[in-house]
Amino acid sequence: MALPHRQGNGAPALAGAGVVRAEGTEPRAFEAPARPALVAGAPHLTAAQGALLREITVLDEHGERRSLHIPAERPLTVFIDKRELVTLMTLGACPELLVLGWLLNQRLVASVAEVASITVDWDVGAAAVKTHAGIADLAGKTAHRVVTTGCGQGTVFGDAMDQLGSVRLPDAATARIRQGTLNALLEQMRQRHSIHRKAGSVHGCALFAGSQMLVAVEDVGRHNAIDTIAGWMGLHGVHGADKTFYTTGRLTSEMVMKSAQMGVPIIVSRNGVTAMGHALAEQLGMTLFGRAANRHFLCYTGFERFDAEPEARPAPVRVVAG
């Protein structure tokens, strides 16, 4: 095995390794309790790290000064085979997986085996992607951009949207979710020691197998978080057919599209659903849950995948005037 080399920021590069962050008392923006093996031909990834939180002093409405934490936000410019392509604004918890997932969700690469390495250097704010054989017609694939509603402005290239017709998701008999399972995953996300709980201003996403959390990510934009999960899935060969995707962000067409591309047919959001996201989910046969928190939820589409276990309504409170 090749020895790790070091980047300008002092972070070691791990040959084909999944990124693992040190665990401690601080909240974790990236957490992967599941540690599946890497796929054959996994790319060589660095493990660049940077501060996720910054402590500042604020003045409140009472004229009192106090300290609090805010999340980091930093630009990461992506170069593919030395060609500058896009700049992503990110918290920076797992930038290598973010870039890998972004390439997959943009349909610029079909598999992680096409990528030789991803080198992130925070000293210059750049991610250098090296492919094995280049990307055919890269200029054509990236010519048409759609600026989405993603926080910090997401970008979806037209080619990725055009390929949605080829998405095939498992049928309702294969991919289902019980109400008890839904409640269990919501409770796990509620209790998670998160960046959002300490500093706010970030979105969180997670991937579940039943009620088991496989990976969770926080970033300044929900589109970054889902791309990071896509990168983790690709690196470890994890398929989405029997999985559930959770997000704190609203379910726009971009989020629904990316989940479909990852092969995940069931999405749960603490937030709401847009009309285009709803229409796209119906077209693809996906199940969307919104406004999901504290055992409350709305199932917007895909009722056929849901095994309801209705809870009794609380008895109405009768108020008697004294």
Protein backbone atom coordinates (compact mmCIF):
# COMPACT_ATOMS: atom_id res chain seq x y z
CA MET A 1 0.00 0.00 0.00
CA ALA A 2 1.30 3.44 -0.89
CA LEU A 3 2.41 5.63 2.00
CA PRO A 4 0.28 8.72 2.68
CA HIS A 5 1.62 11.96 1.30
CA ARG A 6 0.81 15.40 2.70
CA GLN A 7 -1.03 18.34 1.26
CA GLY A 8 -0.30 22.00 1.86
CA ASN A 9 -2.71 22.02 4.79
CA GLY A 10 -0.94 19.14 6.48
CA ALA A 11 -3.75 16.63 5.89
CA PRO A 12 -2.62 13.12 4.98
CA ALA A 13 -3.89 11.55 1.79
CA LEU A 14 -5.32 8.07 2.17
CA ALA A 15 -5.20 5.74 -0.82
CA GLY A 16 -8.78 4.82 -1.67
CA ALA A 17 -9.90 5.47 1.89
CA GLY A 18 -13.29 6.57 3.12
CA VAL A 19 -12.99 9.76 5.12
CA VAL A 20 -13.19 9.17 8.87
CA ARG A 21 -13.32 12.12 11.24
CA ALA A 22 -12.15 11.98 14.83
CA GLU A 23 -14.95 11.61 17.35
CA GLY A 24 -15.06 13.78 20.46
CA THR A 25 -17.29 16.01 22.51
CA GLU A 26 -17.72 18.53 19.71
CA PRO A 27 -20.70 18.09 17.37
CA ARG A 28 -19.98 16.10 14.24
CA ALA A 29 -20.90 17.36 10.79
CA PHE A 30 -20.08 13.95 9.31
CA GLU A 31 -20.95 10.65 10.96
CA ALA A 32 -20.82 7.17 9.41
CA PRO A 33 -21.69 4.46 11.95
CA ALA A 34 -21.75 1.96 9.08
CA ARG A 35 -18.29 1.18 7.71
CA PRO A 36 -18.78 -0.99 4.60
CA ALA A 37 -15.79 -1.99 2.49
CA LEU A 38 -14.62 0.22 -0.36
CA VAL A 39 -15.52 -0.68 -3.92
CA ALA A 40 -12.87 -2.11 -6.19
CA GLY A 41 -10.92 0.64 -7.90
CA ALA A 42 -11.93 3.27 -5.34
CA PRO A 43 -10.30 6.65 -5.99
CA HIS A 44 -7.42 8.00 -3.93
CA LEU A 45 -8.86 10.65 -1.56
CA THR A 46 -7.17 13.13 0.72
CA ALA A 47 -8.62 13.79 4.16
CA ALA A 48 -8.52 17.59 4.23
CA GLN A 49 -9.83 19.15 7.42
CA GLY A 50 -10.71 22.63 8.56
CA ALA A 51 -12.45 24.27 11.50
CA LEU A 52 -16.21 23.74 11.28
CA LEU A 53 -17.19 26.36 13.85
CA ARG A 54 -16.09 29.90 14.64
CA GLU A 55 -16.64 31.62 17.98
CA ILE A 56 -17.75 35.24 17.82
CA THR A 57 -19.10 37.92 20.16
CA VAL A 58 -22.60 39.27 19.62
CA LEU A 59 -24.72 42.02 21.14
CA ASP A 60 -28.29 41.07 22.03
CA GLU A 61 -31.48 43.09 22.45
CA HIS A 62 -30.69 43.68 26.14
CA GLY A 63 -27.40 45.38 25.30
CA GLU A 64 -25.44 42.41 26.63
CA ARG A 65 -22.42 40.88 24.93
CA ARG A 66 -22.05 37.12 24.76
CA SER A 67 -20.14 34.52 22.82
CA LEU A 68 -21.66 32.01 20.43
CA HIS A 69 -20.59 29.75 17.58
CA ILE A 70 -21.42 30.06 13.91
CA PRO A 71 -20.66 27.50 11.18
CA ALA A 72 -17.80 27.94 8.78
CA GLU A 73 -18.46 28.59 5.11
CA ARG A 74 -15.66 28.35 2.58
CA PRO A 75 -15.36 28.23 -1.21
CA LEU A 76 -14.08 25.06 -2.85
CA THR A 77 -13.20 25.40 -6.53
CA VAL A 78 -13.36 22.09 -8.40
CA PHE A 79 -10.87 21.36 -11.18
CA ILE A 80 -11.36 18.31 -13.38
CA ASP A 81 -8.18 17.21 -15.12
CA LYS A 82 -6.81 20.74 -14.58
CA ARG A 83 -9.93 22.43 -16.00
CA GLU A 84 -11.82 24.73 -13.63
CA LEU A 85 -15.48 23.76 -13.52
CA VAL A 86 -17.40 25.10 -10.51
CA THR A 87 -17.02 26.63 -7.06
CA LEU A 88 -19.01 25.05 -4.23
CA MET A 89 -19.69 26.92 -0.98
CA THR A 90 -19.35 24.40 1.82
CA LEU A 91 -18.92 23.84 5.53
CA GLY A 92 -16.02 21.58 4.59
CA ALA A 93 -16.66 18.50 6.75
CA CYS A 94 -15.93 15.94 4.00
CA PRO A 95 -14.97 17.87 0.86
CA GLU A 96 -13.64 14.83 -1.01
CA LEU A 97 -16.94 12.98 -0.67
CA LEU A 98 -18.81 16.17 -1.59
CA VAL A 99 -16.89 16.49 -4.85
CA LEU A 100 -17.23 12.78 -5.64
CA GLY A 101 -20.99 12.85 -5.04
CA TRP A 102 -21.37 16.05 -7.02
CA LEU A 103 -19.69 14.40 -10.02
CA LEU A 104 -22.01 11.40 -9.71
CA ASN A 105 -25.21 13.42 -9.26
CA GLN A 106 -24.31 15.70 -12.17
CA ARG A 107 -23.83 12.56 -14.29
CA LEU A 108 -20.32 13.71 -15.22
CA VAL A 109 -19.03 10.27 -14.20
CA ALA A 110 -21.01 7.04 -14.21
CA SER A 111 -19.06 5.38 -11.38
CA VAL A 112 -16.36 6.19 -8.86
CA ALA A 113 -14.01 3.86 -10.75
CA GLU A 114 -13.66 6.56 -13.42
CA VAL A 115 -12.00 8.86 -10.86
CA ALA A 116 -8.33 8.26 -10.08
CA SER A 117 -8.01 10.77 -7.24
CA ILE A 118 -9.51 13.80 -5.52
CA THR A 119 -7.05 16.10 -3.77
CA VAL A 120 -8.41 18.90 -1.58
CA ASP A 121 -6.13 21.67 -0.32
CA TRP A 122 -7.79 24.26 1.92
CA ASP A 123 -4.73 26.53 1.69
CA VAL A 124 -5.83 27.38 -1.84
CA GLY A 125 -9.51 26.36 -1.55
CA ALA A 126 -9.33 23.89 -4.41
CA ALA A 127 -10.26 20.30 -5.21
CA ALA A 128 -8.22 18.69 -7.99
CA VAL A 129 -10.02 15.77 -9.63
CA LYS A 130 -7.96 13.44 -11.76
CA THR A 131 -9.81 10.94 -13.93
CA HIS A 132 -8.41 7.81 -15.53
CA ALA A 133 -9.50 8.59 -19.08
CA GLY A 134 -10.97 12.09 -19.04
CA ILE A 135 -14.67 12.98 -19.35
CA ALA A 136 -16.06 12.74 -22.85
CA ASP A 137 -17.61 16.00 -24.10
CA LEU A 138 -17.18 17.76 -20.76
CA ALA A 139 -17.79 21.15 -22.39
CA GLY A 140 -21.05 19.97 -23.91
CA LYS A 141 -22.27 18.31 -20.71
CA THR A 142 -21.67 21.46 -18.68
CA ALA A 143 -22.82 24.04 -21.21
CA HIS A 144 -26.43 24.27 -19.98
CA ARG A 145 -26.72 25.21 -16.32
CA VAL A 146 -29.88 25.47 -14.25
CA VAL A 147 -29.43 27.58 -11.10
CA THR A 148 -31.59 25.85 -8.51
CA THR A 149 -33.06 26.90 -5.17
CA GLY A 150 -30.24 25.17 -3.28
CA CYS A 151 -28.85 27.24 -0.40
CA GLY A 152 -25.91 29.23 -1.69
CA GLN A 153 -27.30 28.56 -5.19
CA GLY A 154 -27.11 25.01 -6.43
CA THR A 155 -26.32 24.24 -10.03
CA VAL A 156 -27.69 21.34 -12.05
CA PHE A 157 -26.39 20.76 -15.54
CA GLY A 158 -29.05 20.16 -18.17
CA ASP A 159 -27.67 16.75 -19.12
CA ALA A 160 -28.35 15.47 -15.61
CA MET A 161 -31.97 16.59 -15.81
CA ASP A 162 -32.40 15.06 -19.27
CA GLN A 163 -31.30 11.64 -17.98
CA LEU A 164 -34.09 11.39 -15.40
CA GLY A 165 -36.15 9.38 -17.88
CA SER A 166 -33.71 6.50 -17.50
CA VAL A 167 -34.14 6.31 -13.70
CA ARG A 168 -35.71 3.03 -12.56
CA LEU A 169 -36.72 2.74 -8.92
CA PRO A 170 -37.87 -0.44 -7.10
CA ASP A 171 -41.58 -1.15 -6.99
CA ALA A 172 -43.76 -0.64 -3.93
CA ALA A 173 -43.60 -4.31 -2.95
CA THR A 174 -39.80 -4.07 -2.65
CA ALA A 175 -39.26 -0.63 -1.11
CA ARG A 176 -41.55 0.22 1.80
CA ILE A 177 -41.50 1.97 5.17
CA ARG A 178 -43.52 1.37 8.33
CA GLN A 179 -44.81 4.21 10.47
CA GLY A 180 -42.87 2.84 13.44
CA THR A 181 -39.66 2.89 11.39
CA LEU A 182 -40.36 6.46 10.31
CA ASN A 183 -40.87 7.54 13.92
CA ALA A 184 -37.65 5.78 14.98
CA LEU A 185 -35.47 7.54 12.41
CA LEU A 186 -37.05 10.91 13.24
CA GLU A 187 -36.19 10.37 16.90
CA GLN A 188 -32.58 9.52 16.03
CA MET A 189 -32.21 12.73 14.06
CA ARG A 190 -33.81 14.73 16.87
CA GLN A 191 -31.30 13.41 19.41
CA ARG A 192 -28.21 13.71 17.21
CA HIS A 193 -25.37 15.87 18.58
CA SER A 194 -25.31 18.17 15.59
CA ILE A 195 -23.68 21.34 14.33
CA HIS A 196 -27.19 22.78 13.91
CA ARG A 197 -27.95 22.28 17.59
CA LYS A 198 -24.85 24.24 18.60
CA ALA A 199 -24.62 26.86 15.86
CA GLY A 200 -27.67 26.68 13.57
CA SER A 201 -27.46 27.85 9.95
CA VAL A 202 -26.78 24.43 8.40
CA HIS A 203 -28.83 21.67 6.79
CA GLY A 204 -28.57 18.01 7.66
CA CYS A 205 -29.12 14.88 5.57
CA ALA A 206 -28.91 11.20 6.47
CA LEU A 207 -29.29 7.76 4.88
CA PHE A 208 -31.12 4.98 6.68
CA ALA A 209 -31.54 1.24 6.19
CA GLY A 210 -34.76 0.65 8.06
CA SER A 211 -34.22 2.51 11.33
CA GLN A 212 -30.41 2.12 11.19
CA MET A 213 -28.55 5.30 10.34
CA LEU A 214 -25.75 4.57 7.86
CA VAL A 215 -24.37 8.06 7.35
CA ALA A 216 -25.28 11.64 8.32
CA VAL A 217 -23.89 14.91 6.97
CA GLU A 218 -24.36 18.60 7.70
CA ASP A 219 -23.44 21.44 5.36
CA VAL A 220 -24.40 25.03 4.65
CA GLY A 221 -26.59 23.80 1.79
CA ARG A 222 -28.84 20.76 1.61
CA HIS A 223 -27.64 20.02 -1.92
CA ASN A 224 -24.07 19.71 -0.61
CA ALA A 225 -25.21 17.32 2.11
CA ILE A 226 -27.02 15.02 -0.31
CA ASP A 227 -24.05 15.09 -2.71
CA THR A 228 -21.75 14.06 0.15
CA ILE A 229 -24.01 11.10 0.90
CA ALA A 230 -24.01 10.18 -2.80
CA GLY A 231 -20.21 10.22 -2.68
CA TRP A 232 -20.18 7.95 0.38
CA MET A 233 -22.61 5.55 -1.29
CA GLY A 234 -20.53 5.43 -4.46
CA LEU A 235 -17.27 4.92 -2.58
CA HIS A 236 -18.68 1.99 -0.63
CA GLY A 237 -20.95 0.50 -3.29
CA VAL A 238 -24.10 1.10 -1.22
CA HIS A 239 -27.29 0.83 -3.26
CA GLY A 240 -30.35 2.97 -2.52
CA ALA A 241 -33.23 0.62 -3.38
CA ASP A 242 -34.01 -0.38 0.23
CA LYS A 243 -32.94 2.89 1.85
CA THR A 244 -34.66 6.03 3.14
CA PHE A 245 -33.19 9.49 2.68
CA TYR A 246 -33.75 12.16 5.36
CA THR A 247 -33.19 15.91 5.05
CA THR A 248 -33.93 18.99 7.11
CA GLY A 249 -34.39 21.00 3.91
CA ARG A 250 -37.42 21.47 1.72
CA LEU A 251 -38.07 18.91 -1.00
CA THR A 252 -37.51 20.81 -4.22
CA SER A 253 -37.17 19.24 -7.66
CA GLU A 254 -33.38 19.23 -7.19
CA MET A 255 -33.55 17.16 -3.99
CA VAL A 256 -36.08 14.74 -5.45
CA MET A 257 -34.02 14.37 -8.62
CA LYS A 258 -30.79 13.67 -6.75
CA SER A 259 -32.45 11.13 -4.48
CA ALA A 260 -33.86 9.36 -7.55
CA GLN A 261 -30.44 9.32 -9.19
CA MET A 262 -29.05 7.71 -6.04
CA GLY A 263 -31.76 5.04 -6.36
CA VAL A 264 -33.50 6.01 -3.10
CA PRO A 265 -37.32 5.92 -3.50
CA ILE A 266 -38.38 7.22 -0.06
CA ILE A 267 -37.57 10.73 1.18
CA VAL A 268 -38.37 12.25 4.57
CA SER A 269 -38.10 15.98 5.24
CA ARG A 270 -38.52 18.09 8.34
CA ASN A 271 -39.58 20.83 5.92
CA GLY A 272 -42.16 21.09 3.16
CA VAL A 273 -42.49 20.12 -0.50
CA THR A 274 -42.58 22.34 -3.58
CA ALA A 275 -45.03 21.83 -6.44
CA MET A 276 -42.27 20.79 -8.87
CA GLY A 277 -40.74 18.43 -6.33
CA HIS A 278 -44.18 16.89 -5.79
CA ALA A 279 -44.84 16.49 -9.51
CA LEU A 280 -41.42 14.93 -10.13
CA ALA A 281 -41.87 12.46 -7.26
CA GLU A 282 -45.27 11.40 -8.62
CA GLN A 283 -43.77 10.95 -12.07
CA LEU A 284 -40.96 8.76 -10.71
CA GLY A 285 -43.14 6.80 -8.26
CA MET A 286 -41.38 8.10 -5.14
CA THR A 287 -42.72 8.50 -1.62
CA LEU A 288 -42.33 11.93 0.01
CA PHE A 289 -42.88 12.71 3.68
CA GLY A 290 -42.82 16.35 4.74
CA ARG A 291 -43.32 18.34 7.94
CA ALA A 292 -41.90 15.27 9.69
CA ALA A 293 -40.92 15.76 13.34
CA ASN A 294 -41.95 14.49 16.78
CA ARG A 295 -44.14 11.67 15.41
CA HIS A 296 -46.01 14.10 13.14
CA PHE A 297 -45.75 13.99 9.34
CA LEU A 298 -47.58 14.41 6.05
CA CYS A 299 -47.24 11.81 3.29
CA TYR A 300 -47.43 13.82 0.06
CA THR A 301 -46.92 11.10 -2.56
CA GLY A 302 -46.40 7.36 -2.85
CA PHE A 303 -48.95 6.22 -0.28
CA GLU A 304 -48.60 2.67 -1.66
CA ARG A 305 -45.09 2.34 -0.14
CA PHE A 306 -46.25 3.32 3.35
CA ASP A 307 -47.46 0.85 6.00
CA ALA A 308 -49.50 3.13 8.23
CA GLU A 309 -49.86 2.39 11.92
CA PRO A 310 -52.22 5.20 12.88
CA GLU A 311 -51.95 6.63 16.35
CA ALA A 312 -55.07 7.44 18.31
CA ARG A 313 -56.08 11.07 18.25
CA PRO A 314 -55.85 12.72 21.66
CA ALA A 315 -59.18 13.32 23.29
CA PRO A 316 -60.40 16.88 22.85
CA VAL A 317 -59.93 19.07 25.89
CA ARG A 318 -63.16 20.43 27.21
CA VAL A 319 -62.88 23.89 28.69
CA VAL A 320 -65.52 24.76 31.24
CA ALA A 321 -66.00 28.41 32.02
CA GLY A 322 -65.76 29.18 35.74
